[in-house]
Protein backbone atom coordinates (compact mmCIF):
# COMPACT_ATOMS: atom_id res chain seq x y z
CA UNK A 1 0.00 0.00 0.00
CA UNK A 2 2.64 2.53 1.01
CA UNK A 3 6.08 1.65 -0.30
CA UNK A 4 8.53 1.44 2.64
CA UNK A 5 11.00 3.58 0.71
CA UNK A 6 8.37 6.08 -0.46
CA UNK A 7 9.85 9.57 -0.59
CA UNK A 8 7.83 12.33 1.03
CA UNK A 9 9.28 15.70 0.03
CA UNK A 10 6.77 18.38 1.00
CA UNK A 11 6.74 21.42 3.28
CA UNK A 12 6.41 20.51 6.97
CA UNK A 13 3.17 22.50 7.21
CA UNK A 14 1.57 20.04 4.78
CA UNK A 15 2.28 16.95 6.88
CA UNK A 16 -1.10 16.84 8.67
CA UNK A 17 -2.86 16.73 5.27
CA UNK A 18 -0.40 14.07 4.06
CA UNK A 19 -0.99 11.93 7.15
CA UNK A 20 -4.75 12.25 6.73
CA UNK A 21 -4.53 11.21 3.07
CA UNK A 22 -2.28 8.24 3.85
CA UNK A 23 -4.64 7.06 6.56
CA UNK A 24 -7.59 7.36 4.16
CA UNK A 25 -5.67 5.27 1.61
CA UNK A 26 -4.92 2.64 4.25
CA UNK A 27 -8.63 2.61 5.16
CA UNK A 28 -9.73 1.86 1.57
CA UNK A 29 -11.58 -1.42 1.04
CA UNK A 30 -9.16 -4.36 0.70
CA UNK A 31 -10.10 -4.98 -2.93
CA UNK A 32 -8.96 -1.43 -3.77
CA UNK A 33 -6.03 -1.15 -1.37
CA UNK A 34 -4.50 -4.42 -2.58
CA UNK A 35 -3.91 -3.04 -6.07
CA UNK A 36 -2.35 0.35 -5.37
CA UNK A 37 0.89 1.49 -3.76
CA UNK A 38 2.07 4.99 -2.91
CA UNK A 39 5.52 5.44 -4.46
CA UNK A 40 6.27 9.12 -3.82
CA UNK A 41 4.68 12.32 -2.51
CA UNK A 42 6.19 15.59 -3.65
CA UNK A 43 5.63 19.12 -4.93
CA UNK A 44 5.54 19.80 -8.68
CA UNK A 45 7.05 22.79 -10.49
CA UNK A 46 3.84 24.80 -9.98
CA UNK A 47 3.93 24.19 -6.22
CA UNK A 48 1.10 21.65 -6.17
CA UNK A 49 1.03 18.42 -4.21
CA UNK A 50 1.64 15.29 -6.29
CA UNK A 51 1.00 11.69 -5.29
CA UNK A 52 2.76 9.08 -7.42
CA UNK A 53 0.68 5.93 -7.05
CA UNK A 54 1.21 2.68 -8.92
CA UNK A 55 -2.14 1.01 -9.46
CA UNK A 56 -3.94 -1.62 -11.51
CA UNK A 57 -7.10 0.22 -12.59
CA UNK A 58 -8.55 -2.90 -14.21
CA UNK A 59 -8.46 -4.63 -10.82
CA UNK A 60 -9.50 -1.62 -8.76
CA UNK A 61 -12.42 -0.63 -10.99
CA UNK A 62 -13.82 2.82 -11.64
CA UNK A 63 -15.37 3.16 -8.18
CA UNK A 64 -12.05 2.34 -6.51
CA UNK A 65 -10.16 4.74 -8.76
CA UNK A 66 -12.71 7.41 -7.86
CA UNK A 67 -12.09 6.76 -4.14
CA UNK A 68 -8.34 7.19 -4.63
CA UNK A 69 -8.88 10.38 -6.63
CA UNK A 70 -11.16 11.84 -3.98
CA UNK A 71 -8.52 11.23 -1.30
CA UNK A 72 -5.70 12.83 -3.29
CA UNK A 73 -7.97 15.71 -4.36
CA UNK A 74 -8.81 16.46 -0.70
CA UNK A 75 -5.11 16.52 0.16
CA UNK A 76 -4.38 18.81 -2.79
CA UNK A 77 -7.16 21.18 -1.72
CA UNK A 78 -5.90 21.22 1.88
CA UNK A 79 -2.29 21.89 0.90
CA UNK A 80 -3.31 24.53 -1.65
CA UNK A 81 -4.94 26.51 1.15
CA UNK A 82 -1.68 26.42 3.11
CA UNK A 83 0.59 27.19 0.15
CA UNK A 84 4.20 26.22 -0.40
CA UNK A 85 6.43 27.15 2.50
CA UNK A 86 10.04 26.20 1.74
PDB file of N, CA and C in Angstrom:
ATOM      1  N   UNK A   1       0.813  -1.198   0.000  1.00  0.00           N
ATOM      2  CA  UNK A   1       0.000   0.000   0.000  1.00  0.00           C
ATOM      3  C   UNK A   1       0.856   1.260   0.000  1.00  0.00           C
ATOM      4  N   UNK A   2       1.718   1.395   0.975  1.00  0.00           N
ATOM      5  CA  UNK A   2       2.642   2.526   1.012  1.00  0.00           C
ATOM      6  C   UNK A   2       4.045   1.933   0.963  1.00  0.00           C
ATOM      7  N   UNK A   3       4.751   2.212  -0.117  1.00  0.00           N
ATOM      8  CA  UNK A   3       6.079   1.648  -0.304  1.00  0.00           C
ATOM      9  C   UNK A   3       6.974   2.055   0.865  1.00  0.00           C
ATOM     10  N   UNK A   4       7.671   1.107   1.484  1.00  0.00           N
ATOM     11  CA  UNK A   4       8.525   1.436   2.636  1.00  0.00           C
ATOM     12  C   UNK A   4       9.564   2.513   2.323  1.00  0.00           C
ATOM     13  N   UNK A   5       9.997   2.577   1.092  1.00  0.00           N
ATOM     14  CA  UNK A   5      11.000   3.575   0.712  1.00  0.00           C
ATOM     15  C   UNK A   5      10.372   4.786   0.026  1.00  0.00           C
ATOM     16  N   UNK A   6       9.057   4.946   0.173  1.00  0.00           N
ATOM     17  CA  UNK A   6       8.370   6.084  -0.462  1.00  0.00           C
ATOM     18  C   UNK A   6       8.980   7.393   0.034  1.00  0.00           C
ATOM     19  N   UNK A   7       9.279   8.258  -0.918  1.00  0.00           N
ATOM     20  CA  UNK A   7       9.849   9.566  -0.595  1.00  0.00           C
ATOM     21  C   UNK A   7       8.695  10.536  -0.339  1.00  0.00           C
ATOM     22  N   UNK A   8       8.796  11.274   0.743  1.00  0.00           N
ATOM     23  CA  UNK A   8       7.833  12.334   1.034  1.00  0.00           C
ATOM     24  C   UNK A   8       8.640  13.623   1.126  1.00  0.00           C
ATOM     25  N   UNK A   9       8.509  14.460   0.092  1.00  0.00           N
ATOM     26  CA  UNK A   9       9.277  15.703   0.026  1.00  0.00           C
ATOM     27  C   UNK A   9       8.305  16.865  -0.139  1.00  0.00           C
ATOM     28  N   UNK A  10       7.742  17.290   0.989  1.00  0.00           N
ATOM     29  CA  UNK A  10       6.766  18.380   1.001  1.00  0.00           C
ATOM     30  C   UNK A  10       7.077  19.304   2.173  1.00  0.00           C
ATOM     31  N   UNK A  11       6.546  20.524   2.138  1.00  0.00           N
ATOM     32  CA  UNK A  11       6.743  21.422   3.281  1.00  0.00           C
ATOM     33  C   UNK A  11       6.174  20.805   4.573  1.00  0.00           C
ATOM     34  N   UNK A  12       6.834  21.064   5.676  1.00  0.00           N
ATOM     35  CA  UNK A  12       6.412  20.510   6.965  1.00  0.00           C
ATOM     36  C   UNK A  12       4.972  20.876   7.303  1.00  0.00           C
ATOM     37  N   UNK A  13       4.540  22.062   6.910  1.00  0.00           N
ATOM     38  CA  UNK A  13       3.169  22.500   7.215  1.00  0.00           C
ATOM     39  C   UNK A  13       2.119  21.622   6.529  1.00  0.00           C
ATOM     40  N   UNK A  14       2.510  20.910   5.507  1.00  0.00           N
ATOM     41  CA  UNK A  14       1.573  20.041   4.779  1.00  0.00           C
ATOM     42  C   UNK A  14       1.415  18.666   5.419  1.00  0.00           C
ATOM     43  N   UNK A  15       2.277  18.316   6.351  1.00  0.00           N
ATOM     44  CA  UNK A  15       2.283  16.953   6.882  1.00  0.00           C
ATOM     45  C   UNK A  15       0.958  16.492   7.484  1.00  0.00           C
ATOM     46  N   UNK A  16       0.202  17.330   8.189  1.00  0.00           N
ATOM     47  CA  UNK A  16      -1.099  16.842   8.666  1.00  0.00           C
ATOM     48  C   UNK A  16      -2.016  16.390   7.519  1.00  0.00           C
ATOM     49  N   UNK A  17      -2.037  17.123   6.419  1.00  0.00           N
ATOM     50  CA  UNK A  17      -2.861  16.734   5.267  1.00  0.00           C
ATOM     51  C   UNK A  17      -2.332  15.449   4.631  1.00  0.00           C
ATOM     52  N   UNK A  18      -1.013  15.287   4.609  1.00  0.00           N
ATOM     53  CA  UNK A  18      -0.404  14.071   4.058  1.00  0.00           C
ATOM     54  C   UNK A  18      -0.766  12.875   4.931  1.00  0.00           C
ATOM     55  N   UNK A  19      -0.646  13.027   6.233  1.00  0.00           N
ATOM     56  CA  UNK A  19      -0.989  11.931   7.152  1.00  0.00           C
ATOM     57  C   UNK A  19      -2.461  11.547   7.014  1.00  0.00           C
ATOM     58  N   UNK A  20      -3.329  12.532   6.898  1.00  0.00           N
ATOM     59  CA  UNK A  20      -4.754  12.252   6.734  1.00  0.00           C
ATOM     60  C   UNK A  20      -5.007  11.479   5.435  1.00  0.00           C
ATOM     61  N   UNK A  21      -4.351  11.896   4.353  1.00  0.00           N
ATOM     62  CA  UNK A  21      -4.526  11.206   3.070  1.00  0.00           C
ATOM     63  C   UNK A  21      -4.000   9.774   3.138  1.00  0.00           C
ATOM     64  N   UNK A  22      -2.834   9.596   3.743  1.00  0.00           N
ATOM     65  CA  UNK A  22      -2.280   8.244   3.846  1.00  0.00           C
ATOM     66  C   UNK A  22      -3.175   7.338   4.676  1.00  0.00           C
ATOM     67  N   UNK A  23      -3.733   7.863   5.755  1.00  0.00           N
ATOM     68  CA  UNK A  23      -4.645   7.059   6.563  1.00  0.00           C
ATOM     69  C   UNK A  23      -5.892   6.699   5.763  1.00  0.00           C
ATOM     70  N   UNK A  24      -6.405   7.646   4.993  1.00  0.00           N
ATOM     71  CA  UNK A  24      -7.587   7.362   4.159  1.00  0.00           C
ATOM     72  C   UNK A  24      -7.273   6.288   3.119  1.00  0.00           C
ATOM     73  N   UNK A  25      -6.059   6.312   2.565  1.00  0.00           N
ATOM     74  CA  UNK A  25      -5.667   5.274   1.608  1.00  0.00           C
ATOM     75  C   UNK A  25      -5.563   3.911   2.291  1.00  0.00           C
ATOM     76  N   UNK A  26      -5.008   3.889   3.494  1.00  0.00           N
ATOM     77  CA  UNK A  26      -4.918   2.643   4.251  1.00  0.00           C
ATOM     78  C   UNK A  26      -6.318   2.109   4.571  1.00  0.00           C
ATOM     79  N   UNK A  27      -7.268   3.000   4.790  1.00  0.00           N
ATOM     80  CA  UNK A  27      -8.631   2.611   5.158  1.00  0.00           C
ATOM     81  C   UNK A  27      -9.504   2.215   3.966  1.00  0.00           C
ATOM     82  N   UNK A  28      -8.958   2.267   2.745  1.00  0.00           N
ATOM     83  CA  UNK A  28      -9.727   1.859   1.571  1.00  0.00           C
ATOM     84  C   UNK A  28     -10.136   0.390   1.694  1.00  0.00           C
ATOM     85  N   UNK A  29     -11.207  -0.002   1.024  1.00  0.00           N
ATOM     86  CA  UNK A  29     -11.579  -1.420   1.042  1.00  0.00           C
ATOM     87  C   UNK A  29     -10.422  -2.289   0.538  1.00  0.00           C
ATOM     88  N   UNK A  30     -10.281  -3.490   1.085  1.00  0.00           N
ATOM     89  CA  UNK A  30      -9.163  -4.359   0.703  1.00  0.00           C
ATOM     90  C   UNK A  30      -9.047  -4.609  -0.802  1.00  0.00           C
ATOM     91  N   UNK A  31     -10.162  -4.705  -1.493  1.00  0.00           N
ATOM     92  CA  UNK A  31     -10.101  -4.982  -2.932  1.00  0.00           C
ATOM     93  C   UNK A  31      -9.593  -3.788  -3.736  1.00  0.00           C
ATOM     94  N   UNK A  32      -9.557  -2.611  -3.147  1.00  0.00           N
ATOM     95  CA  UNK A  32      -8.957  -1.427  -3.772  1.00  0.00           C
ATOM     96  C   UNK A  32      -7.514  -1.295  -3.292  1.00  0.00           C
ATOM     97  N   UNK A  33      -7.342  -1.332  -1.996  1.00  0.00           N
ATOM     98  CA  UNK A  33      -6.032  -1.146  -1.368  1.00  0.00           C
ATOM     99  C   UNK A  33      -5.001  -2.154  -1.878  1.00  0.00           C
ATOM    100  N   UNK A  34      -5.424  -3.367  -2.158  1.00  0.00           N
ATOM    101  CA  UNK A  34      -4.497  -4.418  -2.580  1.00  0.00           C
ATOM    102  C   UNK A  34      -3.830  -4.135  -3.918  1.00  0.00           C
ATOM    103  N   UNK A  35      -4.417  -3.263  -4.715  1.00  0.00           N
ATOM    104  CA  UNK A  35      -3.911  -3.040  -6.068  1.00  0.00           C
ATOM    105  C   UNK A  35      -3.381  -1.628  -6.298  1.00  0.00           C
ATOM    106  N   UNK A  36      -2.984  -0.955  -5.218  1.00  0.00           N
ATOM    107  CA  UNK A  36      -2.346   0.353  -5.374  1.00  0.00           C
ATOM    108  C   UNK A  36      -1.259   0.509  -4.319  1.00  0.00           C
ATOM    109  N   UNK A  37      -0.215   1.240  -4.681  1.00  0.00           N
ATOM    110  CA  UNK A  37       0.885   1.491  -3.756  1.00  0.00           C
ATOM    111  C   UNK A  37       1.401   2.910  -3.964  1.00  0.00           C
ATOM    112  N   UNK A  38       1.540   3.632  -2.871  1.00  0.00           N
ATOM    113  CA  UNK A  38       2.074   4.986  -2.910  1.00  0.00           C
ATOM    114  C   UNK A  38       3.592   4.878  -3.073  1.00  0.00           C
ATOM    115  N   UNK A  39       4.098   5.498  -4.140  1.00  0.00           N
ATOM    116  CA  UNK A  39       5.523   5.436  -4.457  1.00  0.00           C
ATOM    117  C   UNK A  39       6.273   6.690  -4.005  1.00  0.00           C
ATOM    118  N   UNK A  40       5.588   7.844  -4.043  1.00  0.00           N
ATOM    119  CA  UNK A  40       6.265   9.123  -3.824  1.00  0.00           C
ATOM    120  C   UNK A  40       5.206  10.195  -3.575  1.00  0.00           C
ATOM    121  N   UNK A  41       5.537  11.152  -2.725  1.00  0.00           N
ATOM    122  CA  UNK A  41       4.681  12.318  -2.510  1.00  0.00           C
ATOM    123  C   UNK A  41       5.599  13.524  -2.565  1.00  0.00           C
ATOM    124  N   UNK A  42       5.297  14.450  -3.464  1.00  0.00           N
ATOM    125  CA  UNK A  42       6.189  15.586  -3.655  1.00  0.00           C
ATOM    126  C   UNK A  42       5.419  16.819  -4.111  1.00  0.00           C
ATOM    127  N   UNK A  43       6.175  17.851  -4.451  1.00  0.00           N
ATOM    128  CA  UNK A  43       5.630  19.117  -4.935  1.00  0.00           C
ATOM    129  C   UNK A  43       6.093  19.286  -6.383  1.00  0.00           C
ATOM    130  N   UNK A  44       5.156  19.606  -7.278  1.00  0.00           N
ATOM    131  CA  UNK A  44       5.542  19.801  -8.677  1.00  0.00           C
ATOM    132  C   UNK A  44       6.074  21.215  -8.913  1.00  0.00           C
ATOM    133  N   UNK A  45       6.444  21.500 -10.141  1.00  0.00           N
ATOM    134  CA  UNK A  45       7.046  22.791 -10.494  1.00  0.00           C
ATOM    135  C   UNK A  45       6.121  23.973 -10.221  1.00  0.00           C
ATOM    136  N   UNK A  46       4.812  23.725 -10.244  1.00  0.00           N
ATOM    137  CA  UNK A  46       3.841  24.795  -9.980  1.00  0.00           C
ATOM    138  C   UNK A  46       3.544  24.956  -8.493  1.00  0.00           C
ATOM    139  N   UNK A  47       4.148  24.102  -7.661  1.00  0.00           N
ATOM    140  CA  UNK A  47       3.929  24.194  -6.224  1.00  0.00           C
ATOM    141  C   UNK A  47       2.748  23.392  -5.723  1.00  0.00           C
ATOM    142  N   UNK A  48       2.238  22.484  -6.557  1.00  0.00           N
ATOM    143  CA  UNK A  48       1.100  21.650  -6.169  1.00  0.00           C
ATOM    144  C   UNK A  48       1.566  20.296  -5.639  1.00  0.00           C
ATOM    145  N   UNK A  49       0.780  19.747  -4.748  1.00  0.00           N
ATOM    146  CA  UNK A  49       1.030  18.423  -4.206  1.00  0.00           C
ATOM    147  C   UNK A  49       0.837  17.373  -5.296  1.00  0.00           C
ATOM    148  N   UNK A  50       1.739  16.379  -5.321  1.00  0.00           N
ATOM    149  CA  UNK A  50       1.638  15.287  -6.291  1.00  0.00           C
ATOM    150  C   UNK A  50       1.829  13.962  -5.555  1.00  0.00           C
ATOM    151  N   UNK A  51       0.876  13.064  -5.760  1.00  0.00           N
ATOM    152  CA  UNK A  51       1.002  11.686  -5.288  1.00  0.00           C
ATOM    153  C   UNK A  51       1.365  10.833  -6.489  1.00  0.00           C
ATOM    154  N   UNK A  52       2.428  10.053  -6.386  1.00  0.00           N
ATOM    155  CA  UNK A  52       2.758   9.075  -7.418  1.00  0.00           C
ATOM    156  C   UNK A  52       2.307   7.727  -6.873  1.00  0.00           C
ATOM    157  N   UNK A  53       1.277   7.185  -7.505  1.00  0.00           N
ATOM    158  CA  UNK A  53       0.685   5.933  -7.052  1.00  0.00           C
ATOM    159  C   UNK A  53       0.701   4.938  -8.201  1.00  0.00           C
ATOM    160  N   UNK A  54       1.270   3.769  -7.950  1.00  0.00           N
ATOM    161  CA  UNK A  54       1.209   2.679  -8.919  1.00  0.00           C
ATOM    162  C   UNK A  54      -0.078   1.908  -8.629  1.00  0.00           C
ATOM    163  N   UNK A  55      -0.856   1.672  -9.670  1.00  0.00           N
ATOM    164  CA  UNK A  55      -2.143   1.015  -9.462  1.00  0.00           C
ATOM    165  C   UNK A  55      -2.501   0.141 -10.669  1.00  0.00           C
ATOM    166  N   UNK A  56      -3.385  -0.788 -10.446  1.00  0.00           N
ATOM    167  CA  UNK A  56      -3.941  -1.618 -11.509  1.00  0.00           C
ATOM    168  C   UNK A  56      -5.422  -1.264 -11.654  1.00  0.00           C
ATOM    169  N   UNK A  57      -5.714  -0.245 -12.460  1.00  0.00           N
ATOM    170  CA  UNK A  57      -7.101   0.218 -12.586  1.00  0.00           C
ATOM    171  C   UNK A  57      -8.088  -0.874 -12.982  1.00  0.00           C
ATOM    172  N   UNK A  58      -7.643  -1.833 -13.802  1.00  0.00           N
ATOM    173  CA  UNK A  58      -8.552  -2.900 -14.214  1.00  0.00           C
ATOM    174  C   UNK A  58      -8.950  -3.801 -13.051  1.00  0.00           C
ATOM    175  N   UNK A  59      -8.131  -3.861 -12.014  1.00  0.00           N
ATOM    176  CA  UNK A  59      -8.463  -4.632 -10.815  1.00  0.00           C
ATOM    177  C   UNK A  59      -9.227  -3.792  -9.797  1.00  0.00           C
ATOM    178  N   UNK A  60      -8.893  -2.517  -9.731  1.00  0.00           N
ATOM    179  CA  UNK A  60      -9.502  -1.615  -8.759  1.00  0.00           C
ATOM    180  C   UNK A  60     -10.919  -1.226  -9.180  1.00  0.00           C
ATOM    181  N   UNK A  61     -11.119  -1.049 -10.483  1.00  0.00           N
ATOM    182  CA  UNK A  61     -12.423  -0.631 -10.992  1.00  0.00           C
ATOM    183  C   UNK A  61     -12.607   0.877 -10.900  1.00  0.00           C
ATOM    184  N   UNK A  62     -13.607   1.368 -11.591  1.00  0.00           N
ATOM    185  CA  UNK A  62     -13.820   2.819 -11.642  1.00  0.00           C
ATOM    186  C   UNK A  62     -14.226   3.391 -10.288  1.00  0.00           C
ATOM    187  N   UNK A  63     -14.993   2.662  -9.509  1.00  0.00           N
ATOM    188  CA  UNK A  63     -15.373   3.160  -8.180  1.00  0.00           C
ATOM    189  C   UNK A  63     -14.155   3.279  -7.270  1.00  0.00           C
ATOM    190  N   UNK A  64     -13.264   2.292  -7.315  1.00  0.00           N
ATOM    191  CA  UNK A  64     -12.053   2.338  -6.508  1.00  0.00           C
ATOM    192  C   UNK A  64     -11.122   3.459  -6.940  1.00  0.00           C
ATOM    193  N   UNK A  65     -11.000   3.651  -8.254  1.00  0.00           N
ATOM    194  CA  UNK A  65     -10.160   4.739  -8.761  1.00  0.00           C
ATOM    195  C   UNK A  65     -10.731   6.090  -8.332  1.00  0.00           C
ATOM    196  N   UNK A  66     -12.055   6.175  -8.302  1.00  0.00           N
ATOM    197  CA  UNK A  66     -12.706   7.412  -7.858  1.00  0.00           C
ATOM    198  C   UNK A  66     -12.400   7.667  -6.375  1.00  0.00           C
ATOM    199  N   UNK A  67     -12.416   6.615  -5.568  1.00  0.00           N
ATOM    200  CA  UNK A  67     -12.092   6.761  -4.141  1.00  0.00           C
ATOM    201  C   UNK A  67     -10.671   7.301  -3.964  1.00  0.00           C
ATOM    202  N   UNK A  68      -9.730   6.747  -4.717  1.00  0.00           N
ATOM    203  CA  UNK A  68      -8.338   7.191  -4.634  1.00  0.00           C
ATOM    204  C   UNK A  68      -8.235   8.657  -5.053  1.00  0.00           C
ATOM    205  N   UNK A  69      -8.888   8.992  -6.137  1.00  0.00           N
ATOM    206  CA  UNK A  69      -8.880  10.380  -6.634  1.00  0.00           C
ATOM    207  C   UNK A  69      -9.456  11.349  -5.612  1.00  0.00           C
ATOM    208  N   UNK A  70     -10.541  10.959  -4.975  1.00  0.00           N
ATOM    209  CA  UNK A  70     -11.161  11.837  -3.978  1.00  0.00           C
ATOM    210  C   UNK A  70     -10.203  12.095  -2.814  1.00  0.00           C
ATOM    211  N   UNK A  71      -9.471  11.078  -2.402  1.00  0.00           N
ATOM    212  CA  UNK A  71      -8.516  11.228  -1.303  1.00  0.00           C
ATOM    213  C   UNK A  71      -7.394  12.183  -1.700  1.00  0.00           C
ATOM    214  N   UNK A  72      -6.808  11.967  -2.867  1.00  0.00           N
ATOM    215  CA  UNK A  72      -5.702  12.826  -3.289  1.00  0.00           C
ATOM    216  C   UNK A  72      -6.189  14.243  -3.586  1.00  0.00           C
ATOM    217  N   UNK A  73      -7.411  14.377  -4.108  1.00  0.00           N
ATOM    218  CA  UNK A  73      -7.969  15.713  -4.358  1.00  0.00           C
ATOM    219  C   UNK A  73      -8.177  16.490  -3.058  1.00  0.00           C
ATOM    220  N   UNK A  74      -8.638  15.799  -2.008  1.00  0.00           N
ATOM    221  CA  UNK A  74      -8.812  16.462  -0.701  1.00  0.00           C
ATOM    222  C   UNK A  74      -7.471  16.943  -0.163  1.00  0.00           C
ATOM    223  N   UNK A  75      -6.438  16.124  -0.303  1.00  0.00           N
ATOM    224  CA  UNK A  75      -5.107  16.517   0.164  1.00  0.00           C
ATOM    225  C   UNK A  75      -4.591  17.706  -0.640  1.00  0.00           C
ATOM    226  N   UNK A  76      -4.809  17.690  -1.944  1.00  0.00           N
ATOM    227  CA  UNK A  76      -4.380  18.807  -2.789  1.00  0.00           C
ATOM    228  C   UNK A  76      -5.097  20.089  -2.377  1.00  0.00           C
ATOM    229  N   UNK A  77      -6.391  20.000  -2.139  1.00  0.00           N
ATOM    230  CA  UNK A  77      -7.156  21.179  -1.721  1.00  0.00           C
ATOM    231  C   UNK A  77      -6.643  21.709  -0.378  1.00  0.00           C
ATOM    232  N   UNK A  78      -6.382  20.803   0.561  1.00  0.00           N
ATOM    233  CA  UNK A  78      -5.903  21.224   1.883  1.00  0.00           C
ATOM    234  C   UNK A  78      -4.535  21.879   1.796  1.00  0.00           C
ATOM    235  N   UNK A  79      -3.630  21.318   1.004  1.00  0.00           N
ATOM    236  CA  UNK A  79      -2.290  21.891   0.903  1.00  0.00           C
ATOM    237  C   UNK A  79      -2.296  23.171   0.077  1.00  0.00           C
ATOM    238  N   UNK A  80      -3.207  23.292  -0.858  1.00  0.00           N
ATOM    239  CA  UNK A  80      -3.306  24.530  -1.653  1.00  0.00           C
ATOM    240  C   UNK A  80      -3.703  25.701  -0.769  1.00  0.00           C
ATOM    241  N   UNK A  81      -4.534  25.450   0.236  1.00  0.00           N
ATOM    242  CA  UNK A  81      -4.942  26.514   1.155  1.00  0.00           C
ATOM    243  C   UNK A  81      -3.771  26.989   1.998  1.00  0.00           C
ATOM    244  N   UNK A  82      -2.843  26.077   2.288  1.00  0.00           N
ATOM    245  CA  UNK A  82      -1.676  26.421   3.105  1.00  0.00           C
ATOM    246  C   UNK A  82      -0.627  27.131   2.255  1.00  0.00           C
ATOM    247  N   UNK A  83      -0.432  26.643   1.033  1.00  0.00           N
ATOM    248  CA  UNK A  83       0.594  27.190   0.147  1.00  0.00           C
ATOM    249  C   UNK A  83       1.931  26.528   0.372  1.00  0.00           C
ATOM    250  N   UNK A  84       2.855  26.796  -0.507  1.00  0.00           N
ATOM    251  CA  UNK A  84       4.204  26.220  -0.401  1.00  0.00           C
ATOM    252  C   UNK A  84       5.028  27.080   0.538  1.00  0.00           C
ATOM    253  N   UNK A  85       5.622  26.435   1.525  1.00  0.00           N
ATOM    254  CA  UNK A  85       6.429  27.147   2.498  1.00  0.00           C
ATOM    255  C   UNK A  85       7.777  26.457   2.606  1.00  0.00           C
ATOM    256  N   UNK A  86       8.703  26.809   1.736  1.00  0.00           N
ATOM    257  CA  UNK A  86      10.036  26.201   1.745  1.00  0.00           C
ATOM    258  C   UNK A  86      10.921  26.899   2.757  1.00  0.00           C
TER     259      UNK A  86
END
